[in-house]
């Protein structure tokens, strides 16, 4: 059985977790790549191109995260997570290089 101090600390911890969860969910604002003067079809085509190029580069044995011999550089890295992170960063770089910026979407009214 928990003592009074331990029970109070546990309740405080749980309240903190709930507050953190609520704050995190409230901060989730939907965003999208936007560029002035570009139609929705052009934007979708650019996103598709950037995702495909990023996927090819991130999954290449000679892309980011791989050593010259084709093996991972870091002993304690997760190859799937590294590739996903690299793919996301490369796609973001591609879209920004094409002039797009991530901007919040207008809230539905």
C-alpha atoms as a PDB file:
ATOM      1  CA  UNK A   1       0.000   0.000   0.000  1.00  0.00           C
ATOM      2  CA  UNK A   2       1.233   3.491  -0.815  1.00  0.00           C
ATOM      3  CA  UNK A   3       2.071   5.893   1.991  1.00  0.00           C
ATOM      4  CA  UNK A   4       0.498   9.355   2.137  1.00  0.00           C
ATOM      5  CA  UNK A   5       3.512  11.052   0.531  1.00  0.00           C
ATOM      6  CA  UNK A   6       3.749   8.473  -2.245  1.00  0.00           C
ATOM      7  CA  UNK A   7       0.016   8.683  -2.960  1.00  0.00           C
ATOM      8  CA  UNK A   8       0.166  12.478  -3.147  1.00  0.00           C
ATOM      9  CA  UNK A   9       3.172  12.315  -5.469  1.00  0.00           C
ATOM     10  CA  UNK A  10       1.384   9.775  -7.677  1.00  0.00           C
ATOM     11  CA  UNK A  11      -1.734  11.960  -7.912  1.00  0.00           C
ATOM     12  CA  UNK A  12       0.388  14.996  -8.746  1.00  0.00           C
ATOM     13  CA  UNK A  13       2.181  12.981 -11.421  1.00  0.00           C
ATOM     14  CA  UNK A  14      -1.126  11.802 -12.931  1.00  0.00           C
ATOM     15  CA  UNK A  15      -2.534  15.345 -12.956  1.00  0.00           C
ATOM     16  CA  UNK A  16       0.611  16.521 -14.723  1.00  0.00           C
ATOM     17  CA  UNK A  17       0.254  13.759 -17.321  1.00  0.00           C
ATOM     18  CA  UNK A  18      -3.375  14.681 -17.992  1.00  0.00           C
ATOM     19  CA  UNK A  19      -2.495  18.385 -18.321  1.00  0.00           C
ATOM     20  CA  UNK A  20       0.367  17.566 -20.667  1.00  0.00           C
ATOM     21  CA  UNK A  21      -1.896  15.370 -22.800  1.00  0.00           C
ATOM     22  CA  UNK A  22      -4.611  18.043 -23.001  1.00  0.00           C
ATOM     23  CA  UNK A  23      -2.056  20.739 -23.872  1.00  0.00           C
ATOM     24  CA  UNK A  24      -0.513  18.503 -26.527  1.00  0.00           C
ATOM     25  CA  UNK A  25      -3.843  17.761 -28.159  1.00  0.00           C
ATOM     26  CA  UNK A  26      -4.854  21.424 -28.113  1.00  0.00           C
ATOM     27  CA  UNK A  27      -1.588  22.378 -29.825  1.00  0.00           C
ATOM     28  CA  UNK A  28      -2.241  20.122 -32.822  1.00  0.00           C
ATOM     29  CA  UNK A  29      -2.965  22.650 -35.536  1.00  0.00           C
ATOM     30  CA  UNK A  30      -3.295  21.183 -39.027  1.00  0.00           C
ATOM     31  CA  UNK A  31      -0.665  22.555 -41.407  1.00  0.00           C
ATOM     32  CA  UNK A  32      -0.034  22.196 -45.134  1.00  0.00           C
ATOM     33  CA  UNK A  33       2.571  23.293 -47.647  1.00  0.00           C
ATOM     34  CA  UNK A  34       1.405  26.469 -49.332  1.00  0.00           C
ATOM     35  CA  UNK A  35       2.871  28.649 -52.048  1.00  0.00           C
ATOM     36  CA  UNK A  36       1.257  31.741 -53.547  1.00  0.00           C
ATOM     37  CA  UNK A  37       0.063  31.335 -57.123  1.00  0.00           C
ATOM     38  CA  UNK A  38       0.065  27.530 -57.129  1.00  0.00           C
ATOM     39  CA  UNK A  39      -3.054  25.470 -57.734  1.00  0.00           C
ATOM     40  CA  UNK A  40      -4.009  22.503 -55.570  1.00  0.00           C
ATOM     41  CA  UNK A  41      -3.132  20.082 -58.392  1.00  0.00           C
ATOM     42  CA  UNK A  42       0.343  21.603 -58.825  1.00  0.00           C
ATOM     43  CA  UNK A  43       0.914  21.454 -55.075  1.00  0.00           C
ATOM     44  CA  UNK A  44      -0.119  17.793 -54.925  1.00  0.00           C
ATOM     45  CA  UNK A  45       2.164  16.968 -57.863  1.00  0.00           C
ATOM     46  CA  UNK A  46       5.103  18.717 -56.179  1.00  0.00           C
ATOM     47  CA  UNK A  47       4.436  16.878 -52.914  1.00  0.00           C
ATOM     48  CA  UNK A  48       4.252  13.542 -54.745  1.00  0.00           C
ATOM     49  CA  UNK A  49       7.525  14.241 -56.581  1.00  0.00           C
ATOM     50  CA  UNK A  50       9.294  15.305 -53.399  1.00  0.00           C
ATOM     51  CA  UNK A  51       8.060  12.260 -51.460  1.00  0.00           C
ATOM     52  CA  UNK A  52       9.205   9.903 -54.227  1.00  0.00           C
ATOM     53  CA  UNK A  53      12.650  11.484 -54.506  1.00  0.00           C
ATOM     54  CA  UNK A  54      13.028  11.519 -50.714  1.00  0.00           C
ATOM     55  CA  UNK A  55      11.998   7.862 -50.470  1.00  0.00           C
ATOM     56  CA  UNK A  56      14.530   6.831 -53.127  1.00  0.00           C
ATOM     57  CA  UNK A  57      17.313   8.790 -51.435  1.00  0.00           C
ATOM     58  CA  UNK A  58      16.493   7.656 -47.883  1.00  0.00           C
ATOM     59  CA  UNK A  59      16.301   3.972 -48.879  1.00  0.00           C
ATOM     60  CA  UNK A  60      19.450   4.046 -50.990  1.00  0.00           C
ATOM     61  CA  UNK A  61      22.420   2.199 -49.471  1.00  0.00           C
ATOM     62  CA  UNK A  62      24.497   5.233 -50.397  1.00  0.00           C
ATOM     63  CA  UNK A  63      22.078   7.840 -48.987  1.00  0.00           C
ATOM     64  CA  UNK A  64      22.001   9.443 -45.557  1.00  0.00           C
ATOM     65  CA  UNK A  65      22.764   7.241 -42.564  1.00  0.00           C
ATOM     66  CA  UNK A  66      24.924   4.709 -44.375  1.00  0.00           C
ATOM     67  CA  UNK A  67      28.679   4.298 -44.347  1.00  0.00           C
ATOM     68  CA  UNK A  68      30.899   3.763 -47.376  1.00  0.00           C
ATOM     69  CA  UNK A  69      30.629  -0.014 -47.072  1.00  0.00           C
ATOM     70  CA  UNK A  70      26.815   0.051 -47.065  1.00  0.00           C
ATOM     71  CA  UNK A  71      26.450  -0.623 -43.332  1.00  0.00           C
ATOM     72  CA  UNK A  72      24.875   1.714 -40.803  1.00  0.00           C
ATOM     73  CA  UNK A  73      27.249   4.224 -39.255  1.00  0.00           C
ATOM     74  CA  UNK A  74      25.811   4.111 -35.733  1.00  0.00           C
ATOM     75  CA  UNK A  75      25.636   0.960 -33.650  1.00  0.00           C
ATOM     76  CA  UNK A  76      22.592   2.026 -31.601  1.00  0.00           C
ATOM     77  CA  UNK A  77      20.413   3.340 -34.412  1.00  0.00           C
ATOM     78  CA  UNK A  78      17.193   1.884 -35.734  1.00  0.00           C
ATOM     79  CA  UNK A  79      17.498   1.586 -39.537  1.00  0.00           C
ATOM     80  CA  UNK A  80      13.760   1.892 -40.188  1.00  0.00           C
ATOM     81  CA  UNK A  81      13.344   4.917 -37.919  1.00  0.00           C
ATOM     82  CA  UNK A  82      16.468   6.542 -39.390  1.00  0.00           C
ATOM     83  CA  UNK A  83      15.152   6.063 -42.929  1.00  0.00           C
ATOM     84  CA  UNK A  84      11.725   7.443 -42.032  1.00  0.00           C
ATOM     85  CA  UNK A  85      13.299  10.472 -40.338  1.00  0.00           C
ATOM     86  CA  UNK A  86      15.621  11.058 -43.286  1.00  0.00           C
ATOM     87  CA  UNK A  87      12.768  10.625 -45.766  1.00  0.00           C
ATOM     88  CA  UNK A  88      10.654  13.191 -43.931  1.00  0.00           C
ATOM     89  CA  UNK A  89      13.536  15.686 -43.703  1.00  0.00           C
ATOM     90  CA  UNK A  90      14.419  15.244 -47.382  1.00  0.00           C
ATOM     91  CA  UNK A  91      10.805  15.704 -48.507  1.00  0.00           C
ATOM     92  CA  UNK A  92      10.523  18.843 -46.366  1.00  0.00           C
ATOM     93  CA  UNK A  93      13.781  20.193 -47.815  1.00  0.00           C
ATOM     94  CA  UNK A  94      12.538  19.509 -51.354  1.00  0.00           C
ATOM     95  CA  UNK A  95       9.249  21.337 -50.786  1.00  0.00           C
ATOM     96  CA  UNK A  96      10.998  24.313 -49.184  1.00  0.00           C
ATOM     97  CA  UNK A  97      13.487  24.424 -52.051  1.00  0.00           C
ATOM     98  CA  UNK A  98      10.532  24.671 -54.429  1.00  0.00           C
ATOM     99  CA  UNK A  99       9.267  27.712 -52.529  1.00  0.00           C
ATOM    100  CA  UNK A 100       6.604  26.120 -50.322  1.00  0.00           C
ATOM    101  CA  UNK A 101       6.188  26.916 -46.640  1.00  0.00           C
ATOM    102  CA  UNK A 102       4.292  25.009 -43.949  1.00  0.00           C
ATOM    103  CA  UNK A 103       1.411  27.187 -42.833  1.00  0.00           C
ATOM    104  CA  UNK A 104      -1.596  26.524 -40.588  1.00  0.00           C
ATOM    105  CA  UNK A 105      -4.796  25.663 -42.401  1.00  0.00           C
ATOM    106  CA  UNK A 106      -7.762  27.937 -41.780  1.00  0.00           C
ATOM    107  CA  UNK A 107     -10.137  26.493 -39.204  1.00  0.00           C
ATOM    108  CA  UNK A 108     -13.481  25.313 -40.583  1.00  0.00           C
ATOM    109  CA  UNK A 109     -16.249  27.703 -39.620  1.00  0.00           C
END
